[in-house]
Amino acid sequence: MIKLSVIIITLNEERNIGRCLESIQEVADEVLVVDSYSTDKTEEICRQYSVRFLQHQFDGYSQQKNWANQQAKYPHVLSLDADEVLSEELKTSILEIKNNWQYDAYYLNRVTQFCGRWIRHGGWSPDKKLRLWDNRLGKWEGDKVHETFVLQKDAKTTLLKGDLLHYSINSIDQQIGQINKFSSLKAQQDFEKGKRPSWIKICFGPPIKFLKSYIVLLGFLDGFQGFLISANSAHAKFLHYVKLRQLYKDNE
């Protein structure tokens, strides 16, 4: 049987971290929490469990997660966010592969909860995430947004049964805050790469985003939450473009 290090990065996750830690007790041989100097009760809650709690200055998602991977005691790693929970079926799947590790890495099927509803359409599902791997075969890559664990080209992967439950958005205010944060990061990232938004993208990109999410990807089947997700996704694209345009104006 392999030994498994579960790695979680945190910043002010007192609302979520206890639920996450509770769900991994059966599968983890080591739990490593790397915290970016939280000011809430994140550390206090973590100390109630058998975890290694380390603090490290946050310089970016990929950098933070790569640093965390380097601190892991075991080469086989399960990487989770603090607002994610293993379903019972997924726990069983992980326990089975610990006894019979056949692939280099495993994808998990993440299902996201938005304002009290599990979202199954609109581009939010299916949502395969590479989260379980042999740490010697890859590393996290990415810029300010959308970090990804990149494996060696010849690595073998498969999808595990069971869901990774993502308790993501609890309120509209929370989503608006995230949209504002990540649209700014994406705009800065594109500015540094020299990308410029055209008026065509600004005018037509957001409504196309809404129609794709709500109609083409069946977001309407998720009820009112599906409409909110589609509308706010369009708004996020609009903010990304206008913030990018403003960066160029500010630097003329």
C-alpha atoms as a PDB file:
ATOM      1  CA  MET A   1       0.000   0.000   0.000  1.00  0.00           C
ATOM      2  CA  ILE A   2       1.288   3.463  -0.884  1.00  0.00           C
ATOM      3  CA  LYS A   3       1.427   6.306   1.638  1.00  0.00           C
ATOM      4  CA  LEU A   4      -0.546   9.427   0.669  1.00  0.00           C
ATOM      5  CA  SER A   5       0.166  13.068   1.481  1.00  0.00           C
ATOM      6  CA  VAL A   6      -2.901  15.315   1.272  1.00  0.00           C
ATOM      7  CA  ILE A   7      -1.930  18.938   0.600  1.00  0.00           C
ATOM      8  CA  ILE A   8      -4.219  21.945   1.138  1.00  0.00           C
ATOM      9  CA  ILE A   9      -3.302  25.619   0.724  1.00  0.00           C
ATOM     10  CA  THR A  10      -5.285  28.112   2.785  1.00  0.00           C
ATOM     11  CA  LEU A  11      -5.970  31.773   3.454  1.00  0.00           C
ATOM     12  CA  ASN A  12      -8.765  32.643   5.892  1.00  0.00           C
ATOM     13  CA  GLU A  13     -10.664  29.393   5.368  1.00  0.00           C
ATOM     14  CA  GLU A  14     -12.301  29.012   8.785  1.00  0.00           C
ATOM     15  CA  ARG A  15     -15.666  28.459   7.106  1.00  0.00           C
ATOM     16  CA  ASN A  16     -14.485  25.500   5.029  1.00  0.00           C
ATOM     17  CA  ILE A  17     -11.326  23.873   6.351  1.00  0.00           C
ATOM     18  CA  GLY A  18     -12.913  21.725   9.090  1.00  0.00           C
ATOM     19  CA  ARG A  19     -15.297  20.068   6.630  1.00  0.00           C
ATOM     20  CA  CYS A  20     -12.434  19.387   4.234  1.00  0.00           C
ATOM     21  CA  LEU A  21     -10.161  17.906   6.906  1.00  0.00           C
ATOM     22  CA  GLU A  22     -12.961  15.710   8.236  1.00  0.00           C
ATOM     23  CA  SER A  23     -13.486  14.149   4.807  1.00  0.00           C
ATOM     24  CA  ILE A  24      -9.864  13.031   4.306  1.00  0.00           C
ATOM     25  CA  GLN A  25      -9.188  11.302   7.616  1.00  0.00           C
ATOM     26  CA  GLU A  26      -9.631   7.795   6.183  1.00  0.00           C
ATOM     27  CA  VAL A  27      -7.378   8.268   3.147  1.00  0.00           C
ATOM     28  CA  ALA A  28      -4.525  10.502   4.368  1.00  0.00           C
ATOM     29  CA  ASP A  29      -1.245   9.245   5.822  1.00  0.00           C
ATOM     30  CA  GLU A  30      -0.107  12.840   6.090  1.00  0.00           C
ATOM     31  CA  VAL A  31      -2.127  16.065   5.987  1.00  0.00           C
ATOM     32  CA  LEU A  32      -0.108  19.135   5.082  1.00  0.00           C
ATOM     33  CA  VAL A  33      -1.737  22.572   5.295  1.00  0.00           C
ATOM     34  CA  VAL A  34       0.262  25.451   3.798  1.00  0.00           C
ATOM     35  CA  ASP A  35      -1.237  28.726   4.975  1.00  0.00           C
ATOM     36  CA  SER A  36      -0.652  32.258   3.668  1.00  0.00           C
ATOM     37  CA  TYR A  37      -0.785  33.859   7.143  1.00  0.00           C
ATOM     38  CA  SER A  38      -4.515  33.678   7.806  1.00  0.00           C
ATOM     39  CA  THR A  39      -5.986  36.187  10.243  1.00  0.00           C
ATOM     40  CA  ASP A  40      -9.112  34.163  11.110  1.00  0.00           C
ATOM     41  CA  LYS A  41      -9.451  30.808  12.932  1.00  0.00           C
ATOM     42  CA  THR A  42      -7.985  28.672  10.135  1.00  0.00           C
ATOM     43  CA  GLU A  43      -4.915  27.667  12.137  1.00  0.00           C
ATOM     44  CA  GLU A  44      -6.926  27.048  15.305  1.00  0.00           C
ATOM     45  CA  ILE A  45      -9.256  24.674  13.466  1.00  0.00           C
ATOM     46  CA  CYS A  46      -6.369  22.870  11.760  1.00  0.00           C
ATOM     47  CA  ARG A  47      -4.664  22.288  15.118  1.00  0.00           C
ATOM     48  CA  GLN A  48      -7.696  20.226  16.151  1.00  0.00           C
ATOM     49  CA  TYR A  49      -6.665  17.632  13.566  1.00  0.00           C
ATOM     50  CA  SER A  50      -3.439  15.700  12.988  1.00  0.00           C
ATOM     51  CA  VAL A  51      -1.962  18.071  10.417  1.00  0.00           C
ATOM     52  CA  ARG A  52       1.391  19.639   9.641  1.00  0.00           C
ATOM     53  CA  PHE A  53       0.603  23.351   9.582  1.00  0.00           C
ATOM     54  CA  LEU A  54       3.155  25.485   7.738  1.00  0.00           C
ATOM     55  CA  GLN A  55       3.000  29.148   6.817  1.00  0.00           C
ATOM     56  CA  HIS A  56       4.522  30.537   3.625  1.00  0.00           C
ATOM     57  CA  GLN A  57       4.230  33.878   1.869  1.00  0.00           C
ATOM     58  CA  PHE A  58       1.889  33.691  -1.124  1.00  0.00           C
ATOM     59  CA  ASP A  59       3.580  34.595  -4.423  1.00  0.00           C
ATOM     60  CA  GLY A  60       1.057  32.992  -6.766  1.00  0.00           C
ATOM     61  CA  TYR A  61      -1.017  29.826  -6.920  1.00  0.00           C
ATOM     62  CA  SER A  62       1.488  27.738  -8.896  1.00  0.00           C
ATOM     63  CA  GLN A  63       4.413  28.893  -6.766  1.00  0.00           C
ATOM     64  CA  GLN A  64       2.562  28.213  -3.521  1.00  0.00           C
ATOM     65  CA  LYS A  65       1.431  24.750  -4.576  1.00  0.00           C
ATOM     66  CA  ASN A  66       4.859  23.767  -5.885  1.00  0.00           C
ATOM     67  CA  TRP A  67       6.425  24.872  -2.594  1.00  0.00           C
ATOM     68  CA  ALA A  68       3.821  22.833  -0.728  1.00  0.00           C
ATOM     69  CA  ASN A  69       4.547  19.766  -2.874  1.00  0.00           C
ATOM     70  CA  GLN A  70       8.223  20.054  -1.961  1.00  0.00           C
ATOM     71  CA  GLN A  71       7.330  19.810   1.734  1.00  0.00           C
ATOM     72  CA  ALA A  72       5.299  16.588   1.345  1.00  0.00           C
ATOM     73  CA  LYS A  73       6.556  13.566   3.248  1.00  0.00           C
ATOM     74  CA  TYR A  74       5.380  11.055   0.625  1.00  0.00           C
ATOM     75  CA  PRO A  75       5.732  11.152  -3.195  1.00  0.00           C
ATOM     76  CA  HIS A  76       2.075  10.333  -3.815  1.00  0.00           C
ATOM     77  CA  VAL A  77      -0.013  13.479  -3.375  1.00  0.00           C
ATOM     78  CA  LEU A  78      -3.710  14.372  -3.231  1.00  0.00           C
ATOM     79  CA  SER A  79      -4.110  18.124  -3.763  1.00  0.00           C
ATOM     80  CA  LEU A  80      -7.304  19.749  -2.463  1.00  0.00           C
ATOM     81  CA  ASP A  81      -8.694  23.224  -1.960  1.00  0.00           C
ATOM     82  CA  ALA A  82     -10.074  24.072   1.470  1.00  0.00           C
ATOM     83  CA  ASP A  83     -13.639  24.269   0.120  1.00  0.00           C
ATOM     84  CA  GLU A  84     -13.543  20.745  -1.356  1.00  0.00           C
ATOM     85  CA  VAL A  85     -14.802  17.522   0.241  1.00  0.00           C
ATOM     86  CA  LEU A  86     -14.429  13.868  -0.769  1.00  0.00           C
ATOM     87  CA  SER A  87     -17.725  12.052  -1.354  1.00  0.00           C
ATOM     88  CA  GLU A  88     -18.066   8.597   0.216  1.00  0.00           C
ATOM     89  CA  GLU A  89     -17.735   6.935  -3.199  1.00  0.00           C
ATOM     90  CA  LEU A  90     -14.573   8.916  -3.938  1.00  0.00           C
ATOM     91  CA  LYS A  91     -13.069   7.939  -0.562  1.00  0.00           C
ATOM     92  CA  THR A  92     -13.642   4.287  -1.440  1.00  0.00           C
ATOM     93  CA  SER A  93     -12.011   4.766  -4.845  1.00  0.00           C
ATOM     94  CA  ILE A  94      -8.923   6.399  -3.309  1.00  0.00           C
ATOM     95  CA  LEU A  95      -8.566   3.650  -0.712  1.00  0.00           C
ATOM     96  CA  GLU A  96      -8.746   1.050  -3.484  1.00  0.00           C
ATOM     97  CA  ILE A  97      -5.999   2.643  -5.567  1.00  0.00           C
ATOM     98  CA  LYS A  98      -3.790   3.058  -2.512  1.00  0.00           C
ATOM     99  CA  ASN A  99      -3.764  -0.732  -2.449  1.00  0.00           C
ATOM    100  CA  ASN A 100      -3.360  -1.038  -6.212  1.00  0.00           C
ATOM    101  CA  TRP A 101      -1.655   2.036  -7.718  1.00  0.00           C
ATOM    102  CA  GLN A 102      -1.667   1.412 -11.478  1.00  0.00           C
ATOM    103  CA  TYR A 103      -1.478   4.862 -13.103  1.00  0.00           C
ATOM    104  CA  ASP A 104       0.792   7.866 -12.762  1.00  0.00           C
ATOM    105  CA  ALA A 105      -2.047  10.244 -11.917  1.00  0.00           C
ATOM    106  CA  TYR A 106      -5.807  10.289 -11.407  1.00  0.00           C
ATOM    107  CA  TYR A 107      -8.517  12.763 -12.357  1.00  0.00           C
ATOM    108  CA  LEU A 108     -11.388  13.525  -9.974  1.00  0.00           C
ATOM    109  CA  ASN A 109     -14.855  14.639 -11.077  1.00  0.00           C
ATOM    110  CA  ARG A 110     -15.599  17.926  -9.303  1.00  0.00           C
ATOM    111  CA  VAL A 111     -19.193  19.009  -8.762  1.00  0.00           C
ATOM    112  CA  THR A 112     -19.734  22.587  -7.591  1.00  0.00           C
ATOM    113  CA  GLN A 113     -22.414  23.923  -5.269  1.00  0.00           C
ATOM    114  CA  PHE A 114     -23.665  27.421  -6.089  1.00  0.00           C
ATOM    115  CA  CYS A 115     -26.017  29.187  -3.655  1.00  0.00           C
ATOM    116  CA  GLY A 116     -27.359  25.890  -2.302  1.00  0.00           C
ATOM    117  CA  ARG A 117     -27.657  23.956  -5.579  1.00  0.00           C
ATOM    118  CA  TRP A 118     -25.313  21.419  -7.160  1.00  0.00           C
ATOM    119  CA  ILE A 119     -24.628  22.651 -10.691  1.00  0.00           C
ATOM    120  CA  ARG A 120     -24.659  20.053 -13.492  1.00  0.00           C
ATOM    121  CA  HIS A 121     -24.660  22.198 -16.653  1.00  0.00           C
ATOM    122  CA  GLY A 122     -23.575  25.536 -18.105  1.00  0.00           C
ATOM    123  CA  GLY A 123     -19.938  24.541 -18.506  1.00  0.00           C
ATOM    124  CA  TRP A 124     -19.504  23.834 -14.790  1.00  0.00           C
ATOM    125  CA  SER A 125     -19.995  20.086 -15.159  1.00  0.00           C
ATOM    126  CA  PRO A 126     -18.429  17.701 -16.039  1.00  0.00           C
ATOM    127  CA  ASP A 127     -15.378  19.273 -14.420  1.00  0.00           C
ATOM    128  CA  LYS A 128     -12.436  16.849 -14.386  1.00  0.00           C
ATOM    129  CA  LYS A 129      -9.547  17.941 -12.180  1.00  0.00           C
ATOM    130  CA  LEU A 130      -6.134  16.290 -11.956  1.00  0.00           C
ATOM    131  CA  ARG A 131      -5.650  16.098  -8.194  1.00  0.00           C
ATOM    132  CA  LEU A 132      -3.970  12.767  -7.361  1.00  0.00           C
ATOM    133  CA  TRP A 133      -0.512  11.915  -8.679  1.00  0.00           C
ATOM    134  CA  ASP A 134       3.032  10.725  -8.242  1.00  0.00           C
ATOM    135  CA  ASN A 135       4.703  13.986  -7.282  1.00  0.00           C
ATOM    136  CA  ARG A 136       7.928  13.048  -9.059  1.00  0.00           C
ATOM    137  CA  LEU A 137       6.242  13.171 -12.477  1.00  0.00           C
ATOM    138  CA  GLY A 138       5.144  16.805 -12.831  1.00  0.00           C
ATOM    139  CA  LYS A 139       4.703  20.263 -11.337  1.00  0.00           C
ATOM    140  CA  TRP A 140       2.212  23.139 -11.135  1.00  0.00           C
ATOM    141  CA  GLU A 141       2.361  25.644 -13.982  1.00  0.00           C
ATOM    142  CA  GLY A 142       0.388  28.787 -14.825  1.00  0.00           C
ATOM    143  CA  ASP A 143       0.352  32.525 -14.437  1.00  0.00           C
ATOM    144  CA  LYS A 144      -1.786  34.573 -12.067  1.00  0.00           C
ATOM    145  CA  VAL A 145      -4.933  32.585 -12.874  1.00  0.00           C
ATOM    146  CA  HIS A 146      -5.794  28.981 -13.817  1.00  0.00           C
ATOM    147  CA  GLU A 147      -2.861  27.036 -12.400  1.00  0.00           C
ATOM    148  CA  THR A 148      -2.577  23.455 -13.696  1.00  0.00           C
ATOM    149  CA  PHE A 149      -0.547  20.432 -12.633  1.00  0.00           C
ATOM    150  CA  VAL A 150       1.409  19.395 -15.737  1.00  0.00           C
ATOM    151  CA  LEU A 151       2.586  15.783 -16.013  1.00  0.00           C
ATOM    152  CA  GLN A 152       5.374  14.305 -18.078  1.00  0.00           C
ATOM    153  CA  LYS A 153       4.219  13.582 -21.625  1.00  0.00           C
ATOM    154  CA  ASP A 154       4.273   9.802 -21.233  1.00  0.00           C
ATOM    155  CA  ALA A 155       2.316   9.763 -17.959  1.00  0.00           C
ATOM    156  CA  LYS A 156      -0.705   7.459 -17.740  1.00  0.00           C
ATOM    157  CA  THR A 157      -3.938   8.811 -16.252  1.00  0.00           C
ATOM    158  CA  THR A 158      -7.504   7.718 -15.554  1.00  0.00           C
ATOM    159  CA  LEU A 159     -10.688   9.028 -13.901  1.00  0.00           C
ATOM    160  CA  LEU A 160     -11.746   7.843 -10.440  1.00  0.00           C
ATOM    161  CA  LYS A 161     -15.334   7.035  -9.520  1.00  0.00           C
ATOM    162  CA  GLY A 162     -17.050   9.395  -7.098  1.00  0.00           C
ATOM    163  CA  ASP A 163     -17.396  13.152  -6.806  1.00  0.00           C
ATOM    164  CA  LEU A 164     -15.167  15.854  -5.396  1.00  0.00           C
ATOM    165  CA  LEU A 165     -17.735  18.134  -3.768  1.00  0.00           C
ATOM    166  CA  HIS A 166     -16.883  21.803  -4.219  1.00  0.00           C
ATOM    167  CA  TYR A 167     -18.656  24.141  -1.769  1.00  0.00           C
ATOM    168  CA  SER A 168     -17.786  27.170  -3.838  1.00  0.00           C
ATOM    169  CA  ILE A 169     -20.251  30.063  -3.771  1.00  0.00           C
ATOM    170  CA  ASN A 170     -22.626  30.701  -0.865  1.00  0.00           C
ATOM    171  CA  SER A 171     -24.000  34.088  -1.911  1.00  0.00           C
ATOM    172  CA  ILE A 172     -24.216  36.490  -4.832  1.00  0.00           C
ATOM    173  CA  ASP A 173     -21.990  38.949  -2.957  1.00  0.00           C
ATOM    174  CA  GLN A 174     -19.303  36.278  -2.656  1.00  0.00           C
ATOM    175  CA  GLN A 175     -19.397  35.539  -6.381  1.00  0.00           C
ATOM    176  CA  ILE A 176     -19.244  39.234  -7.260  1.00  0.00           C
ATOM    177  CA  GLY A 177     -16.175  39.557  -5.052  1.00  0.00           C
ATOM    178  CA  GLN A 178     -14.501  36.638  -6.808  1.00  0.00           C
ATOM    179  CA  ILE A 179     -15.384  38.010 -10.238  1.00  0.00           C
ATOM    180  CA  ASN A 180     -13.845  41.357  -9.347  1.00  0.00           C
ATOM    181  CA  LYS A 181     -10.678  39.721  -7.997  1.00  0.00           C
ATOM    182  CA  PHE A 182     -10.072  37.279 -10.850  1.00  0.00           C
ATOM    183  CA  SER A 183     -11.039  39.677 -13.646  1.00  0.00           C
ATOM    184  CA  SER A 184      -8.353  42.039 -12.328  1.00  0.00           C
ATOM    185  CA  LEU A 185      -5.778  39.236 -12.190  1.00  0.00           C
ATOM    186  CA  LYS A 186      -6.665  38.083 -15.702  1.00  0.00           C
ATOM    187  CA  ALA A 187      -6.474  41.647 -17.043  1.00  0.00           C
ATOM    188  CA  GLN A 188      -3.039  42.166 -15.479  1.00  0.00           C
ATOM    189  CA  GLN A 189      -1.862  38.836 -16.858  1.00  0.00           C
ATOM    190  CA  ASP A 190      -3.009  39.692 -20.393  1.00  0.00           C
ATOM    191  CA  PHE A 191      -1.530  43.187 -20.137  1.00  0.00           C
ATOM    192  CA  GLU A 192       1.862  41.708 -19.289  1.00  0.00           C
ATOM    193  CA  LYS A 193       1.550  39.446 -22.343  1.00  0.00           C
ATOM    194  CA  GLY A 194       0.716  42.383 -24.618  1.00  0.00           C
ATOM    195  CA  LYS A 195      -2.849  41.276 -25.392  1.00  0.00           C
ATOM    196  CA  ARG A 196      -5.300  44.034 -26.334  1.00  0.00           C
ATOM    197  CA  PRO A 197      -9.117  43.882 -26.228  1.00  0.00           C
ATOM    198  CA  SER A 198     -10.913  44.991 -29.378  1.00  0.00           C
ATOM    199  CA  TRP A 199     -14.245  46.807 -29.353  1.00  0.00           C
ATOM    200  CA  ILE A 200     -15.751  43.736 -31.010  1.00  0.00           C
ATOM    201  CA  LYS A 201     -14.691  41.573 -28.061  1.00  0.00           C
ATOM    202  CA  ILE A 202     -15.973  44.109 -25.543  1.00  0.00           C
ATOM    203  CA  CYS A 203     -19.355  44.439 -27.273  1.00  0.00           C
ATOM    204  CA  PHE A 204     -20.014  40.874 -28.373  1.00  0.00           C
ATOM    205  CA  GLY A 205     -17.877  38.688 -26.099  1.00  0.00           C
ATOM    206  CA  PRO A 206     -20.123  38.957 -23.000  1.00  0.00           C
ATOM    207  CA  PRO A 207     -23.484  38.216 -24.721  1.00  0.00           C
ATOM    208  CA  ILE A 208     -21.920  35.303 -26.621  1.00  0.00           C
ATOM    209  CA  LYS A 209     -20.587  33.979 -23.307  1.00  0.00           C
ATOM    210  CA  PHE A 210     -24.090  34.159 -21.803  1.00  0.00           C
ATOM    211  CA  LEU A 211     -25.761  32.395 -24.724  1.00  0.00           C
ATOM    212  CA  LYS A 212     -23.162  29.645 -24.775  1.00  0.00           C
ATOM    213  CA  SER A 213     -23.454  28.989 -21.040  1.00  0.00           C
ATOM    214  CA  TYR A 214     -27.221  29.329 -20.714  1.00  0.00           C
ATOM    215  CA  ILE A 215     -28.441  27.840 -24.020  1.00  0.00           C
ATOM    216  CA  VAL A 216     -25.732  25.751 -25.705  1.00  0.00           C
ATOM    217  CA  LEU A 217     -24.382  24.211 -22.488  1.00  0.00           C
ATOM    218  CA  LEU A 218     -27.882  23.868 -20.983  1.00  0.00           C
ATOM    219  CA  GLY A 219     -27.395  26.201 -18.039  1.00  0.00           C
ATOM    220  CA  PHE A 220     -31.167  26.809 -18.002  1.00  0.00           C
ATOM    221  CA  LEU A 221     -31.591  23.272 -16.611  1.00  0.00           C
ATOM    222  CA  ASP A 222     -29.999  24.461 -13.356  1.00  0.00           C
ATOM    223  CA  GLY A 223     -32.881  26.825 -12.678  1.00  0.00           C
ATOM    224  CA  PHE A 224     -32.396  30.324 -11.319  1.00  0.00           C
ATOM    225  CA  GLN A 225     -28.837  29.481 -10.237  1.00  0.00           C
ATOM    226  CA  GLY A 226     -28.068  28.500 -13.827  1.00  0.00           C
ATOM    227  CA  PHE A 227     -29.266  31.899 -15.017  1.00  0.00           C
ATOM    228  CA  LEU A 228     -27.167  33.698 -12.398  1.00  0.00           C
ATOM    229  CA  ILE A 229     -24.049  31.741 -13.336  1.00  0.00           C
ATOM    230  CA  SER A 230     -24.488  32.494 -17.042  1.00  0.00           C
ATOM    231  CA  ALA A 231     -25.207  36.186 -16.463  1.00  0.00           C
ATOM    232  CA  ASN A 232     -22.305  36.634 -14.058  1.00  0.00           C
ATOM    233  CA  SER A 233     -19.938  34.726 -16.384  1.00  0.00           C
ATOM    234  CA  ALA A 234     -20.814  37.226 -19.111  1.00  0.00           C
ATOM    235  CA  HIS A 235     -20.252  40.101 -16.684  1.00  0.00           C
ATOM    236  CA  ALA A 236     -16.859  38.636 -15.688  1.00  0.00           C
ATOM    237  CA  LYS A 237     -15.775  38.600 -19.328  1.00  0.00           C
ATOM    238  CA  PHE A 238     -16.910  42.221 -19.733  1.00  0.00           C
ATOM    239  CA  LEU A 239     -14.951  43.307 -16.641  1.00  0.00           C
ATOM    240  CA  HIS A 240     -11.863  41.462 -17.843  1.00  0.00           C
ATOM    241  CA  TYR A 241     -11.903  43.315 -21.162  1.00  0.00           C
ATOM    242  CA  VAL A 242     -12.627  46.803 -19.801  1.00  0.00           C
ATOM    243  CA  LYS A 243     -10.043  46.442 -17.014  1.00  0.00           C
ATOM    244  CA  LEU A 244      -7.476  45.371 -19.594  1.00  0.00           C
ATOM    245  CA  ARG A 245      -8.360  48.368 -21.752  1.00  0.00           C
ATOM    246  CA  GLN A 246      -8.016  50.657 -18.728  1.00  0.00           C
ATOM    247  CA  LEU A 247      -4.532  49.274 -17.993  1.00  0.00           C
ATOM    248  CA  TYR A 248      -3.399  50.362 -21.445  1.00  0.00           C
ATOM    249  CA  LYS A 249      -4.931  53.832 -20.987  1.00  0.00           C
ATOM    250  CA  ASP A 250      -3.238  54.204 -17.584  1.00  0.00           C
ATOM    251  CA  ASN A 251       0.137  53.298 -19.068  1.00  0.00           C
ATOM    252  CA  GLU A 252       0.041  55.532 -22.149  1.00  0.00           C
END
